[in-house]
Amino acid sequence: MSNTHLLIRMRRRRASLGIRSMVRETRVLAADLIYPLFVTKNAPGREAIASLPGIARLGTEDAVREAARAYELGIPAVLLFGIPRTKDPKGVQASFAEGAVQSSVRAIKKELPSLVVITDVCLCSYTDHGHCGLLSHTSDYVRNDATLPILGRIARSHADAGADIVAPSGMLDGMVLAIRHALDDAGHARTSIMSYSVKFASAFYGPFRDAADGAPKRGDRKTYQMDPTNGSEAEREAALDAAEGADFLMVKPALPYLDVIRRVKQACPGLPLAAYNVSGEYAMVKAAAAAGVWEEKAAVQEILTGIRRAGADLIITYHAPDVAQWLKDSGG
């Protein structure tokens, strides 16, 4: 290494924080974040979730208040997950006009018309067996094609209520195309689709399943969620959803799959890519911080920066309000 190059490196290392900030390559802004909310009509108020510290199941009024808090902090979007009053084999409440998601969408859009409202489109929280579609009568396999019209009805009910984006999360073949047709046929051509294009059969979903009461009662979801060992398949899945009409793509979870985020972004550069910093990742940070293993703010900022650096345009994270508040406090 020449003396000139050595001096340049030394100057960079000794640079002030102001200079380091000026040349920072990757930034996480409040505008990059999406805040997930669990909404229910089972009870008013807030119901704490033990495995997700700081996160609660919200009645409609509290969902509006929590959405307003996010909006005031500069977070542009919320993602709603519904928890029904009762469950059944077909998840019929998922498409009820007065369901938890539909009621919350209407209430939030009435008070916060500029906030982007995204809705989860899936059956896992609504079925008594906990799977993302109708089950075969003779096995634990999901009946893929028979489920698609149901997903279309759910998406339409969300769009009717005012959802800006619907987000099918079941990883079923053809779900994006079926939903696109259902929305267009109902006059919702402007409603966008954020597809869970690359969703791995992950160990990091445990706290979410507690929160949404959506764990499979028998079998597992490995027949329709992706094998964690696969990377090329992720590119193919994302490309198929893009061809079917997805407006946004997603990789879930985020931290164990930063390489997949990069690969999907390179394979489908024309579409915005979201990464879901999932419940297990959030709970892991909270538990370590509570144990004094690390300082929570620094750990969260480093994790989200890594997700953005890998190629994610948007990050779905339960940390969103804290991050937005930290940015506001620092003038960022």
Foldseek 3Di string as FASTA:
>chain_A
DDPVVVVVVVCVVVDDPVVCVVPDDFDDALQQEEEEAEEECQDADWADQVLFPPHTYHYLVVLLVVLVLSVVLPNQEYEYDYAYNAAALALVLLLDLPGGLLSNLLSNCVVPVRRAYEYEQFRLLRHPQQARAHADPVDRDHPQVVGQLVSLSSLCSNVVSPHQEYEYERQGPPNLLSNCVSCVVSVNNRRAYEYQQAFAQDPQAVSVCSRSVRAGPDDHSPVRHDHPVDQVVSLVSLVSSVVSHHQEYEHPAQDVVLLSLLVNCVSCVPHAYEHEVHSSNSSVLVVCVVVVVDPSVVVVRVRVSSSVVSPHSHYYDNCSSVNSVVCVVVVD
